Amino acid sequence: MDGLIIHKHWLNKIFSGEKTWEIRGTKTSKRGKIALIQKGSGEIFGTCELAEVIGPLSRRDLEVNRGKHQLPSDDLSVILEQYTNPYAWVLSDVKRFDTPIPYNHPRGAVIWVKVGNLK
């Protein structure tokens, strides 16, 4: 299984159900169940379905869908400068583990990590 590395702040919003879009600078062909990894923790905190990828997104798309990605309006310019073509990775069926599961983080991994099989 592939694990997606996400900052703690955003991961908490995903687990609370507030955030259903993860904004990234590229599209991905991955679909299905993925692990959710808190950046810098060395642990898998849960799983979700990567249901679809939408984009590239315009400023208007980001503004209209703020409730799905949770980015403050001040950050939209930063995202559009950082990502030439931002994409929404649509997350569903989010499940948080009672206890995080440790994994071995390979050197240089910043977006995806192979984590083996999870139940």
N, C-alpha and C. Protein backbone atom coordinates (compact mmCIF):
# COMPACT_ATOMS: atom_id res chain seq x y z
N MET A 1 0.85 -1.18 0.00
CA MET A 1 0.00 0.00 0.00
C MET A 1 0.89 1.23 0.00
N ASP A 2 0.39 2.27 -0.64
CA ASP A 2 1.10 3.55 -0.65
C ASP A 2 0.61 4.43 0.49
N GLY A 3 1.52 5.17 1.09
CA GLY A 3 1.18 6.11 2.14
C GLY A 3 1.46 7.53 1.69
N LEU A 4 0.52 8.41 1.95
CA LEU A 4 0.64 9.83 1.60
C LEU A 4 1.10 10.60 2.83
N ILE A 5 2.15 11.39 2.68
CA ILE A 5 2.71 12.17 3.78
C ILE A 5 2.03 13.53 3.82
N ILE A 6 1.48 13.87 5.00
CA ILE A 6 0.70 15.10 5.16
C ILE A 6 1.09 15.77 6.48
N HIS A 7 1.18 17.10 6.47
CA HIS A 7 1.45 17.86 7.69
C HIS A 7 0.35 17.60 8.73
N LYS A 8 0.74 17.61 9.99
CA LYS A 8 -0.17 17.32 11.10
C LYS A 8 -1.44 18.17 11.07
N HIS A 9 -1.29 19.46 10.85
CA HIS A 9 -2.44 20.38 10.83
C HIS A 9 -3.50 19.91 9.83
N TRP A 10 -3.06 19.59 8.61
CA TRP A 10 -3.99 19.18 7.56
C TRP A 10 -4.52 17.78 7.80
N LEU A 11 -3.70 16.92 8.33
CA LEU A 11 -4.13 15.55 8.63
C LEU A 11 -5.25 15.57 9.66
N ASN A 12 -5.13 16.41 10.67
CA ASN A 12 -6.19 16.52 11.68
C ASN A 12 -7.50 16.99 11.05
N LYS A 13 -7.43 17.90 10.09
CA LYS A 13 -8.63 18.37 9.40
C LYS A 13 -9.24 17.26 8.53
N ILE A 14 -8.40 16.42 7.96
CA ILE A 14 -8.90 15.28 7.19
C ILE A 14 -9.62 14.31 8.13
N PHE A 15 -9.02 14.00 9.27
CA PHE A 15 -9.65 13.07 10.20
C PHE A 15 -10.93 13.64 10.82
N SER A 16 -11.01 14.95 10.97
CA SER A 16 -12.23 15.55 11.53
C SER A 16 -13.35 15.65 10.51
N GLY A 17 -13.04 15.41 9.23
CA GLY A 17 -14.05 15.50 8.18
C GLY A 17 -14.17 16.88 7.57
N GLU A 18 -13.41 17.85 8.08
CA GLU A 18 -13.46 19.21 7.55
C GLU A 18 -12.84 19.30 6.16
N LYS A 19 -11.82 18.51 5.91
CA LYS A 19 -11.03 18.60 4.68
C LYS A 19 -11.19 17.31 3.88
N THR A 20 -11.70 17.44 2.65
CA THR A 20 -11.87 16.27 1.77
C THR A 20 -11.02 16.37 0.51
N TRP A 21 -10.41 17.52 0.29
CA TRP A 21 -9.51 17.72 -0.85
C TRP A 21 -8.11 17.98 -0.33
N GLU A 22 -7.16 17.22 -0.80
CA GLU A 22 -5.74 17.49 -0.54
C GLU A 22 -5.20 18.16 -1.80
N ILE A 23 -4.73 19.40 -1.68
CA ILE A 23 -4.23 20.15 -2.83
C ILE A 23 -2.76 19.81 -3.06
N ARG A 24 -2.46 19.40 -4.28
CA ARG A 24 -1.10 19.05 -4.66
C ARG A 24 -0.76 19.67 -6.00
N GLY A 25 0.51 19.76 -6.32
CA GLY A 25 0.98 20.41 -7.54
C GLY A 25 1.00 19.53 -8.77
N THR A 26 0.64 18.27 -8.61
CA THR A 26 0.59 17.34 -9.74
C THR A 26 -0.63 16.45 -9.59
N LYS A 27 -1.01 15.84 -10.70
CA LYS A 27 -2.04 14.82 -10.61
C LYS A 27 -1.36 13.51 -10.27
N THR A 28 -2.15 12.52 -9.92
CA THR A 28 -1.63 11.18 -9.64
C THR A 28 -2.57 10.16 -10.26
N SER A 29 -2.01 9.06 -10.68
CA SER A 29 -2.83 7.99 -11.24
C SER A 29 -3.28 7.01 -10.15
N LYS A 30 -2.77 7.19 -8.94
CA LYS A 30 -3.15 6.30 -7.84
C LYS A 30 -4.62 6.50 -7.49
N ARG A 31 -5.29 5.39 -7.21
CA ARG A 31 -6.67 5.40 -6.74
C ARG A 31 -6.82 4.26 -5.75
N GLY A 32 -7.80 4.37 -4.91
CA GLY A 32 -8.07 3.31 -3.95
C GLY A 32 -7.55 3.64 -2.57
N LYS A 33 -7.43 2.61 -1.76
CA LYS A 33 -7.04 2.77 -0.36
C LYS A 33 -5.58 3.17 -0.23
N ILE A 34 -5.34 4.21 0.56
CA ILE A 34 -3.98 4.67 0.85
C ILE A 34 -3.83 4.88 2.36
N ALA A 35 -2.60 4.84 2.81
CA ALA A 35 -2.29 5.12 4.20
C ALA A 35 -2.09 6.63 4.37
N LEU A 36 -2.43 7.14 5.53
CA LEU A 36 -2.24 8.55 5.86
C LEU A 36 -1.13 8.66 6.91
N ILE A 37 -0.06 9.33 6.51
CA ILE A 37 1.14 9.45 7.34
C ILE A 37 1.30 10.89 7.79
N GLN A 38 1.54 11.06 9.09
CA GLN A 38 1.83 12.40 9.60
C GLN A 38 3.30 12.70 9.38
N LYS A 39 3.56 13.78 8.65
CA LYS A 39 4.92 14.16 8.30
C LYS A 39 5.81 14.24 9.55
N GLY A 40 6.98 13.62 9.44
CA GLY A 40 7.97 13.69 10.51
C GLY A 40 7.73 12.77 11.68
N SER A 41 6.64 12.01 11.68
CA SER A 41 6.30 11.18 12.83
C SER A 41 6.84 9.76 12.74
N GLY A 42 7.04 9.27 11.50
CA GLY A 42 7.42 7.87 11.32
C GLY A 42 6.27 6.92 11.59
N GLU A 43 5.03 7.46 11.56
CA GLU A 43 3.87 6.64 11.88
C GLU A 43 2.72 6.86 10.89
N ILE A 44 1.96 5.79 10.69
CA ILE A 44 0.75 5.83 9.88
C ILE A 44 -0.41 6.04 10.85
N PHE A 45 -1.21 7.06 10.59
CA PHE A 45 -2.28 7.42 11.51
C PHE A 45 -3.65 6.93 11.07
N GLY A 46 -3.77 6.47 9.82
CA GLY A 46 -5.05 5.97 9.35
C GLY A 46 -5.01 5.66 7.87
N THR A 47 -6.19 5.49 7.29
CA THR A 47 -6.32 5.20 5.87
C THR A 47 -7.48 5.99 5.28
N CYS A 48 -7.53 6.05 3.97
CA CYS A 48 -8.66 6.64 3.26
C CYS A 48 -8.67 6.10 1.85
N GLU A 49 -9.69 6.47 1.10
CA GLU A 49 -9.76 6.17 -0.32
C GLU A 49 -9.35 7.42 -1.08
N LEU A 50 -8.45 7.28 -2.00
CA LEU A 50 -8.15 8.37 -2.94
C LEU A 50 -9.10 8.13 -4.11
N ALA A 51 -10.20 8.87 -4.09
CA ALA A 51 -11.33 8.59 -4.98
C ALA A 51 -11.13 9.13 -6.39
N GLU A 52 -10.61 10.34 -6.50
CA GLU A 52 -10.40 10.95 -7.82
C GLU A 52 -9.46 12.12 -7.70
N VAL A 53 -9.04 12.62 -8.85
CA VAL A 53 -8.19 13.81 -8.92
C VAL A 53 -8.90 14.80 -9.83
N ILE A 54 -9.02 16.05 -9.37
CA ILE A 54 -9.69 17.09 -10.12
C ILE A 54 -8.68 18.19 -10.44
N GLY A 55 -8.68 18.65 -11.68
CA GLY A 55 -7.80 19.76 -12.00
C GLY A 55 -7.25 19.66 -13.41
N PRO A 56 -6.39 20.61 -13.73
CA PRO A 56 -5.87 21.64 -12.83
C PRO A 56 -6.95 22.64 -12.41
N LEU A 57 -6.75 23.19 -11.21
CA LEU A 57 -7.72 24.10 -10.61
C LEU A 57 -7.34 25.55 -10.84
N SER A 58 -8.34 26.36 -11.09
CA SER A 58 -8.14 27.80 -11.21
C SER A 58 -8.30 28.45 -9.84
N ARG A 59 -7.96 29.71 -9.73
CA ARG A 59 -8.19 30.46 -8.49
C ARG A 59 -9.66 30.38 -8.11
N ARG A 60 -10.53 30.54 -9.10
CA ARG A 60 -11.98 30.49 -8.86
C ARG A 60 -12.38 29.12 -8.31
N ASP A 61 -11.86 28.06 -8.89
CA ASP A 61 -12.15 26.70 -8.39
C ASP A 61 -11.76 26.59 -6.91
N LEU A 62 -10.60 27.12 -6.57
CA LEU A 62 -10.13 27.07 -5.19
C LEU A 62 -11.01 27.91 -4.27
N GLU A 63 -11.42 29.07 -4.74
CA GLU A 63 -12.28 29.94 -3.92
C GLU A 63 -13.64 29.29 -3.67
N VAL A 64 -14.25 28.77 -4.71
CA VAL A 64 -15.59 28.18 -4.61
C VAL A 64 -15.59 26.93 -3.72
N ASN A 65 -14.46 26.22 -3.70
CA ASN A 65 -14.38 24.96 -2.96
C ASN A 65 -13.54 25.06 -1.69
N ARG A 66 -13.46 26.24 -1.12
CA ARG A 66 -12.63 26.44 0.08
C ARG A 66 -13.02 25.48 1.21
N GLY A 67 -14.29 25.20 1.34
CA GLY A 67 -14.74 24.29 2.38
C GLY A 67 -14.20 22.88 2.24
N LYS A 68 -13.83 22.50 1.03
CA LYS A 68 -13.32 21.15 0.79
C LYS A 68 -11.82 21.04 1.05
N HIS A 69 -11.08 22.13 0.80
CA HIS A 69 -9.62 22.07 0.99
C HIS A 69 -9.14 22.81 2.22
N GLN A 70 -9.96 23.71 2.77
CA GLN A 70 -9.68 24.41 4.02
C GLN A 70 -8.52 25.40 3.97
N LEU A 71 -8.05 25.76 2.80
CA LEU A 71 -6.98 26.76 2.71
C LEU A 71 -7.56 28.15 2.96
N PRO A 72 -6.94 28.94 3.84
CA PRO A 72 -7.40 30.31 4.03
C PRO A 72 -7.23 31.12 2.74
N SER A 73 -8.08 32.12 2.55
CA SER A 73 -8.03 32.90 1.31
C SER A 73 -6.66 33.54 1.10
N ASP A 74 -5.96 33.89 2.18
CA ASP A 74 -4.62 34.48 2.06
C ASP A 74 -3.63 33.51 1.44
N ASP A 75 -3.87 32.21 1.60
CA ASP A 75 -2.93 31.20 1.10
C ASP A 75 -3.16 30.84 -0.37
N LEU A 76 -4.26 31.27 -0.96
CA LEU A 76 -4.53 30.89 -2.35
C LEU A 76 -3.46 31.42 -3.30
N SER A 77 -3.02 32.64 -3.10
CA SER A 77 -1.96 33.20 -3.96
C SER A 77 -0.67 32.40 -3.81
N VAL A 78 -0.36 32.00 -2.59
CA VAL A 78 0.85 31.22 -2.33
C VAL A 78 0.75 29.88 -3.05
N ILE A 79 -0.39 29.23 -2.96
CA ILE A 79 -0.59 27.93 -3.62
C ILE A 79 -0.45 28.09 -5.13
N LEU A 80 -1.06 29.13 -5.67
CA LEU A 80 -1.01 29.34 -7.12
C LEU A 80 0.39 29.71 -7.60
N GLU A 81 1.21 30.31 -6.74
CA GLU A 81 2.61 30.57 -7.09
C GLU A 81 3.45 29.30 -6.96
N GLN A 82 3.17 28.53 -5.92
CA GLN A 82 3.93 27.30 -5.66
C GLN A 82 3.59 26.21 -6.68
N TYR A 83 2.31 26.09 -7.00
CA TYR A 83 1.85 25.05 -7.92
C TYR A 83 1.33 25.71 -9.19
N THR A 84 2.02 25.50 -10.30
CA THR A 84 1.58 26.05 -11.58
C THR A 84 0.20 25.51 -11.95
N ASN A 85 0.00 24.24 -11.71
CA ASN A 85 -1.28 23.58 -11.98
C ASN A 85 -1.71 22.80 -10.75
N PRO A 86 -2.44 23.44 -9.81
CA PRO A 86 -2.86 22.70 -8.62
C PRO A 86 -3.98 21.70 -8.94
N TYR A 87 -3.93 20.59 -8.23
CA TYR A 87 -4.93 19.54 -8.37
C TYR A 87 -5.53 19.22 -7.01
N ALA A 88 -6.79 18.83 -7.01
CA ALA A 88 -7.46 18.35 -5.79
C ALA A 88 -7.44 16.83 -5.81
N TRP A 89 -6.82 16.25 -4.80
CA TRP A 89 -6.87 14.81 -4.62
C TRP A 89 -8.03 14.56 -3.66
N VAL A 90 -9.09 13.96 -4.15
CA VAL A 90 -10.33 13.81 -3.39
C VAL A 90 -10.24 12.57 -2.50
N LEU A 91 -10.40 12.81 -1.18
CA LEU A 91 -10.28 11.77 -0.18
C LEU A 91 -11.66 11.41 0.38
N SER A 92 -11.90 10.12 0.55
CA SER A 92 -13.17 9.68 1.14
C SER A 92 -12.91 8.48 2.05
N ASP A 93 -13.93 8.06 2.77
CA ASP A 93 -13.88 6.88 3.63
C ASP A 93 -12.65 6.92 4.55
N VAL A 94 -12.50 8.03 5.24
CA VAL A 94 -11.33 8.25 6.11
C VAL A 94 -11.51 7.47 7.42
N LYS A 95 -10.47 6.76 7.80
CA LYS A 95 -10.48 6.00 9.06
C LYS A 95 -9.20 6.31 9.83
N ARG A 96 -9.39 6.73 11.08
CA ARG A 96 -8.23 7.01 11.95
C ARG A 96 -7.97 5.79 12.83
N PHE A 97 -6.72 5.40 12.95
CA PHE A 97 -6.36 4.27 13.81
C PHE A 97 -6.42 4.69 15.28
N ASP A 98 -6.77 3.75 16.15
CA ASP A 98 -6.72 4.01 17.59
C ASP A 98 -5.29 4.26 18.04
N THR A 99 -4.37 3.51 17.46
CA THR A 99 -2.94 3.64 17.77
C THR A 99 -2.18 3.72 16.46
N PRO A 100 -1.37 4.77 16.27
CA PRO A 100 -0.58 4.87 15.03
C PRO A 100 0.35 3.67 14.86
N ILE A 101 0.63 3.35 13.60
CA ILE A 101 1.49 2.21 13.25
C ILE A 101 2.83 2.74 12.73
N PRO A 102 3.94 2.33 13.35
CA PRO A 102 5.25 2.78 12.86
C PRO A 102 5.57 2.16 11.48
N TYR A 103 6.35 2.86 10.71
CA TYR A 103 6.82 2.36 9.42
C TYR A 103 8.24 2.86 9.22
N ASN A 104 8.95 2.25 8.28
CA ASN A 104 10.31 2.68 7.96
C ASN A 104 10.25 3.73 6.85
N HIS A 105 10.69 4.92 7.16
CA HIS A 105 10.64 6.02 6.20
C HIS A 105 11.92 6.01 5.35
N PRO A 106 11.77 5.77 4.04
CA PRO A 106 12.96 5.77 3.19
C PRO A 106 13.53 7.18 3.00
N ARG A 107 14.80 7.26 2.92
CA ARG A 107 15.48 8.54 2.69
C ARG A 107 14.96 9.19 1.42
N GLY A 108 14.63 10.47 1.49
CA GLY A 108 14.21 11.24 0.33
C GLY A 108 12.73 11.20 0.02
N ALA A 109 11.96 10.38 0.71
CA ALA A 109 10.51 10.31 0.45
C ALA A 109 9.83 11.57 0.98
N VAL A 110 9.08 12.26 0.12
CA VAL A 110 8.41 13.48 0.54
C VAL A 110 6.90 13.49 0.25
N ILE A 111 6.43 12.66 -0.67
CA ILE A 111 5.00 12.62 -0.98
C ILE A 111 4.45 11.24 -0.69
N TRP A 112 5.02 10.22 -1.32
CA TRP A 112 4.53 8.84 -1.21
C TRP A 112 5.58 7.95 -0.55
N VAL A 113 5.09 6.96 0.19
CA VAL A 113 5.93 5.95 0.81
C VAL A 113 5.23 4.59 0.65
N LYS A 114 5.97 3.56 0.29
CA LYS A 114 5.43 2.19 0.29
C LYS A 114 5.43 1.71 1.74
N VAL A 115 4.26 1.30 2.25
CA VAL A 115 4.17 0.91 3.65
C VAL A 115 3.78 -0.55 3.85
N GLY A 116 3.64 -1.31 2.80
CA GLY A 116 3.23 -2.70 2.94
C GLY A 116 1.72 -2.80 3.08
N ASN A 117 1.25 -3.93 3.54
CA ASN A 117 -0.19 -4.17 3.67
C ASN A 117 -0.71 -3.74 5.02
N LEU A 118 -1.84 -3.08 5.03
CA LEU A 118 -2.53 -2.72 6.27
C LEU A 118 -3.93 -3.31 6.21
N LYS A 119 -4.49 -3.58 7.34
CA LYS A 119 -5.86 -4.10 7.38
C LYS A 119 -6.85 -2.98 7.26
